[in-house]
């Protein structure tokens, strides 16, 4: 696969750390989640390091099973915070990236983001094995609207549903300068997992149609679903879209695509 990740600065779960208390599993239990990524990250930290692992409480704001990396980003933030408390240099963190393979491809991307302060990341291969590196994308003035209709999708099931009968989303050209990718170039791509996600959860087609009615630059399913998104030229356009869609869906959130540096 080939993916581009944008790390949205305005939409996130809230993680509250207590450095005076040792971590315990009960504090990060999330109803409906069997394999909590934070607990898996804790087990890996405990196995490989001797530093004190801080207590953590999670205020969940992102939709569960929403295809926007909520659990993976929580686990990556947890690991990075532990490293920071141990005063581990940024350059040393990258040496440990591969010991967290058990967390999956998305967590690897989020760990890379925290370890390098990246805003956009390119990933290929299986995610666990393949290239991963920082890219530059001219999207600082753009806004994104995330919309979730309350449905959940399993990433594993969506990948199983995908086969050659579904269209691929395109492939990066060898001539493209991945260090400076034009935003319009990405608009030509399509998420290859969108049709399998809709096949499993047909209601997503209606969500996408409603987003299209608000005139985004482009829109679709995020990752393996079930969250859908629209990208807009400016704040006025995304605010207008948000007001229209908030009448239909409980989770409708605006974010800048990137922080201005």
Protein backbone atom coordinates (compact mmCIF):
# COMPACT_ATOMS: atom_id res chain seq x y z
CA UNK A 1 0.00 0.00 0.00
CA UNK A 2 0.94 3.65 -0.31
CA UNK A 3 -0.46 6.14 2.18
CA UNK A 4 -0.02 9.75 3.16
CA UNK A 5 -0.79 10.62 6.78
CA UNK A 6 -1.70 14.15 7.87
CA UNK A 7 -1.58 14.70 11.64
CA UNK A 8 -4.45 17.03 12.48
CA UNK A 9 -3.56 19.50 15.26
CA UNK A 10 -7.12 20.30 16.40
CA UNK A 11 -8.79 16.86 16.78
CA UNK A 12 -7.47 14.38 19.35
CA UNK A 13 -8.04 12.25 22.43
CA UNK A 14 -6.86 13.81 25.70
CA UNK A 15 -4.19 11.93 27.66
CA UNK A 16 -3.59 12.90 31.30
CA UNK A 17 -0.35 11.69 32.89
CA UNK A 18 0.53 11.38 36.59
CA UNK A 19 4.28 10.93 36.94
CA UNK A 20 4.03 10.19 40.68
CA UNK A 21 1.96 7.04 40.13
CA UNK A 22 2.92 3.80 38.35
CA UNK A 23 0.89 2.77 35.31
CA UNK A 24 -1.96 0.30 35.73
CA UNK A 25 -4.18 -1.32 33.09
CA UNK A 26 -7.46 -0.36 34.71
CA UNK A 27 -6.86 3.35 34.21
CA UNK A 28 -6.81 3.08 30.41
CA UNK A 29 -9.67 0.60 29.96
CA UNK A 30 -11.99 1.72 27.17
CA UNK A 31 -15.39 -0.04 26.90
CA UNK A 32 -15.74 -1.93 23.64
CA UNK A 33 -11.99 -2.21 22.98
CA UNK A 34 -10.61 -5.73 23.36
CA UNK A 35 -6.98 -5.08 22.38
CA UNK A 36 -6.16 -1.71 23.88
CA UNK A 37 -3.05 -0.40 22.09
CA UNK A 38 -1.89 1.54 25.15
CA UNK A 39 -1.78 -1.64 27.24
CA UNK A 40 0.21 -3.41 24.50
CA UNK A 41 2.60 -0.43 24.41
CA UNK A 42 2.99 -0.63 28.20
CA UNK A 43 3.86 -4.33 27.97
CA UNK A 44 6.55 -3.58 25.37
CA UNK A 45 7.98 -0.73 27.45
CA UNK A 46 8.04 -2.96 30.55
CA UNK A 47 9.83 -5.72 28.64
CA UNK A 48 12.56 -3.55 27.10
CA UNK A 49 13.16 -0.67 29.50
CA UNK A 50 13.70 -0.11 33.23
CA UNK A 51 12.36 3.43 33.60
CA UNK A 52 9.24 4.26 35.60
CA UNK A 53 6.14 4.14 33.38
CA UNK A 54 3.68 6.91 34.32
CA UNK A 55 0.02 6.51 35.20
CA UNK A 56 -2.29 7.49 32.36
CA UNK A 57 -5.95 8.39 32.02
CA UNK A 58 -7.59 8.74 28.59
CA UNK A 59 -10.44 11.11 27.77
CA UNK A 60 -11.74 9.60 24.56
CA UNK A 61 -12.90 12.20 22.04
CA UNK A 62 -12.25 10.41 18.74
CA UNK A 63 -14.73 7.81 17.44
CA UNK A 64 -13.80 4.19 18.17
CA UNK A 65 -13.30 2.14 15.01
CA UNK A 66 -13.31 5.35 13.01
CA UNK A 67 -10.28 4.87 10.78
CA UNK A 68 -8.45 7.98 12.00
CA UNK A 69 -5.86 6.28 14.21
CA UNK A 70 -7.24 7.18 17.65
CA UNK A 71 -5.92 4.13 19.49
CA UNK A 72 -2.64 4.11 17.60
CA UNK A 73 -1.98 7.79 18.29
CA UNK A 74 -2.78 7.31 22.00
CA UNK A 75 -0.26 4.47 22.22
CA UNK A 76 2.40 6.48 20.38
CA UNK A 77 1.88 9.52 22.59
CA UNK A 78 2.15 7.28 25.67
CA UNK A 79 5.46 5.79 24.48
CA UNK A 80 6.89 9.18 23.50
CA UNK A 81 5.91 10.71 26.85
CA UNK A 82 7.61 7.87 28.73
CA UNK A 83 10.75 8.42 26.63
CA UNK A 84 10.63 12.15 27.38
CA UNK A 85 10.29 11.51 31.11
CA UNK A 86 13.37 9.30 30.88
CA UNK A 87 15.11 12.21 29.10
CA UNK A 88 15.81 10.11 26.03
CA UNK A 89 17.29 12.20 23.19
CA UNK A 90 15.19 12.57 20.04
CA UNK A 91 17.87 10.89 17.94
CA UNK A 92 17.89 7.83 20.20
CA UNK A 93 14.12 7.32 20.06
CA UNK A 94 14.24 6.31 16.40
CA UNK A 95 16.52 3.39 17.28
CA UNK A 96 13.62 1.74 19.10
CA UNK A 97 10.95 2.19 16.42
CA UNK A 98 10.93 -1.45 15.34
CA UNK A 99 10.41 -2.96 18.80
CA UNK A 100 6.86 -1.62 18.69
CA UNK A 101 5.89 -3.65 15.59
CA UNK A 102 3.21 -5.48 17.59
CA UNK A 103 1.26 -2.22 17.78
CA UNK A 104 0.70 -2.30 14.00
CA UNK A 105 1.39 -0.09 10.99
CA UNK A 106 -0.61 2.94 12.12
CA UNK A 107 1.13 3.07 15.50
CA UNK A 108 4.50 2.89 13.73
CA UNK A 109 3.51 5.96 11.73
CA UNK A 110 2.41 7.86 14.83
CA UNK A 111 5.60 6.89 16.66
CA UNK A 112 7.58 8.22 13.69
CA UNK A 113 5.55 11.43 13.90
CA UNK A 114 6.34 11.92 17.59
CA UNK A 115 9.99 10.93 17.22
CA UNK A 116 10.59 13.32 14.30
CA UNK A 117 7.97 16.10 14.81
CA UNK A 118 6.64 15.39 11.31
CA UNK A 119 3.40 16.93 10.05
CA UNK A 120 3.02 14.66 7.02
CA UNK A 121 4.34 11.13 6.55
CA UNK A 122 4.52 8.80 3.55
CA UNK A 123 4.23 5.06 4.11
CA UNK A 124 4.42 2.10 1.74
CA UNK A 125 4.73 -1.68 1.78
CA UNK A 126 2.81 -3.44 4.54
CA UNK A 127 3.30 -0.53 6.88
CA UNK A 128 5.30 -2.72 9.23
CA UNK A 129 7.87 -3.39 6.53
CA UNK A 130 8.51 -0.69 3.95
CA UNK A 131 9.47 2.94 3.58
CA UNK A 132 8.34 5.58 6.02
CA UNK A 133 9.56 9.14 5.88
CA UNK A 134 8.66 12.77 6.38
CA UNK A 135 7.24 14.67 3.38
CA UNK A 136 6.42 18.32 2.75
CA UNK A 137 2.86 19.08 1.64
CA UNK A 138 1.60 22.58 0.82
CA UNK A 139 -1.68 22.30 2.74
CA UNK A 140 -1.19 24.80 5.56
CA UNK A 141 -4.05 27.04 4.46
CA UNK A 142 -6.53 24.16 4.00
CA UNK A 143 -9.08 22.79 6.48
CA UNK A 144 -10.58 19.34 6.96
CA UNK A 145 -13.98 18.32 8.29
CA UNK A 146 -14.31 14.87 9.90
CA UNK A 147 -17.77 13.29 10.02
CA UNK A 148 -18.76 10.04 11.73
CA UNK A 149 -22.29 8.64 11.69
CA UNK A 150 -21.77 6.36 14.70
CA UNK A 151 -20.86 3.22 12.73
CA UNK A 152 -17.69 1.20 13.40
CA UNK A 153 -15.51 -0.79 11.04
CA UNK A 154 -12.77 -3.31 11.67
CA UNK A 155 -9.63 -2.55 9.68
CA UNK A 156 -8.96 -6.29 9.37
CA UNK A 157 -12.42 -6.93 7.92
CA UNK A 158 -12.10 -4.08 5.43
CA UNK A 159 -8.76 -5.39 4.16
CA UNK A 160 -10.27 -8.87 3.84
CA UNK A 161 -13.14 -7.42 1.82
CA UNK A 162 -10.74 -5.68 -0.55
CA UNK A 163 -9.83 -7.66 -3.66
CA UNK A 164 -8.94 -7.01 -7.28
CA UNK A 165 -12.56 -6.19 -8.10
CA UNK A 166 -12.18 -2.91 -6.23
CA UNK A 167 -10.32 -0.04 -7.86
CA UNK A 168 -6.88 0.85 -6.68
CA UNK A 169 -6.35 4.43 -5.61
CA UNK A 170 -3.39 5.24 -7.83
CA UNK A 171 0.35 5.09 -7.35
CA UNK A 172 2.99 7.71 -6.65
CA UNK A 173 4.90 8.50 -9.83
CA UNK A 174 8.63 7.88 -9.69
CA UNK A 175 9.21 11.44 -10.95
CA UNK A 176 7.35 13.07 -8.05
CA UNK A 177 9.52 14.95 -5.57
CA UNK A 178 8.24 13.43 -2.34
CA UNK A 179 9.96 16.13 -0.32
CA UNK A 180 7.71 18.77 -1.88
CA UNK A 181 4.37 17.32 -2.93
CA UNK A 182 1.77 19.63 -4.39
CA UNK A 183 -1.57 19.29 -2.60
CA UNK A 184 -3.44 19.18 -5.92
CA UNK A 185 -1.45 16.06 -6.84
CA UNK A 186 -2.95 14.18 -3.89
CA UNK A 187 -6.47 15.24 -4.88
CA UNK A 188 -6.19 12.91 -7.90
CA UNK A 189 -5.88 9.86 -5.66
CA UNK A 190 -8.67 7.69 -4.31
CA UNK A 191 -8.69 5.64 -1.14
CA UNK A 192 -8.57 1.99 -2.31
CA UNK A 193 -10.32 0.90 0.89
CA UNK A 194 -13.31 3.20 0.38
CA UNK A 195 -15.41 0.80 -1.70
CA UNK A 196 -14.76 -2.20 0.58
CA UNK A 197 -15.65 -0.03 3.59
CA UNK A 198 -18.92 1.04 1.94
CA UNK A 199 -19.66 -2.58 1.00
CA UNK A 200 -19.45 -3.46 4.71
CA UNK A 201 -21.19 -0.28 5.91
CA UNK A 202 -23.46 1.07 3.12
CA UNK A 203 -24.50 4.09 5.21
CA UNK A 204 -21.09 5.66 4.50
CA UNK A 205 -22.17 6.33 0.91
CA UNK A 206 -24.84 8.69 2.25
CA UNK A 207 -22.33 10.44 4.50
CA UNK A 208 -20.02 11.06 1.55
CA UNK A 209 -22.90 12.38 -0.56
CA UNK A 210 -23.86 14.80 2.20
CA UNK A 211 -20.26 16.00 2.44
CA UNK A 212 -20.12 16.43 -1.35
CA UNK A 213 -23.19 18.67 -1.16
CA UNK A 214 -21.12 21.17 0.86
CA UNK A 215 -18.68 21.65 -2.05
CA UNK A 216 -15.34 20.39 -0.64
CA UNK A 217 -12.17 20.25 -2.73
CA UNK A 218 -12.42 16.49 -2.37
CA UNK A 219 -13.83 14.01 0.12
CA UNK A 220 -14.02 10.31 0.97
CA UNK A 221 -13.50 7.69 3.63
CA UNK A 222 -10.56 8.11 6.01
CA UNK A 223 -8.34 5.03 6.13
CA UNK A 224 -10.47 1.91 6.47
CA UNK A 225 -13.46 3.91 7.80
CA UNK A 226 -15.89 4.58 9.28
CA UNK A 227 -15.06 8.29 9.55
CA UNK A 228 -15.47 10.33 6.38
CA UNK A 229 -13.84 13.65 5.54
CA UNK A 230 -14.01 16.70 3.34
CA UNK A 231 -11.16 19.10 2.54
CA UNK A 232 -11.96 22.81 2.14
CA UNK A 233 -10.15 25.86 0.78
CA UNK A 234 -10.63 28.11 3.81
CA UNK A 235 -12.15 28.48 7.26
CA UNK A 236 -15.41 30.06 6.03
CA UNK A 237 -16.08 27.12 3.69
CA UNK A 238 -15.42 24.46 6.33
CA UNK A 239 -17.47 26.33 8.96
CA UNK A 240 -20.45 26.49 6.62
CA UNK A 241 -20.12 22.78 5.87
CA UNK A 242 -19.83 21.95 9.57
CA UNK A 243 -23.02 23.84 10.40
CA UNK A 244 -24.93 22.00 7.68
CA UNK A 245 -23.68 18.52 8.62
CA UNK A 246 -23.96 18.97 12.39
CA UNK A 247 -27.72 18.78 11.94
CA UNK A 248 -27.33 15.22 10.65
CA UNK A 249 -24.41 13.69 12.59
CA UNK A 250 -23.18 13.73 16.19
CA UNK A 251 -19.45 13.75 15.38
CA UNK A 252 -18.62 16.68 13.10
CA UNK A 253 -15.25 18.32 13.77
CA UNK A 254 -13.07 20.92 12.06
CA UNK A 255 -9.29 20.98 12.02
CA UNK A 256 -6.48 22.73 10.25
CA UNK A 257 -4.61 20.18 8.17
CA UNK A 258 -1.29 21.41 9.52
CA UNK A 259 0.13 23.85 12.00
CA UNK A 260 1.91 26.86 10.56
CA UNK A 261 5.58 26.61 11.46
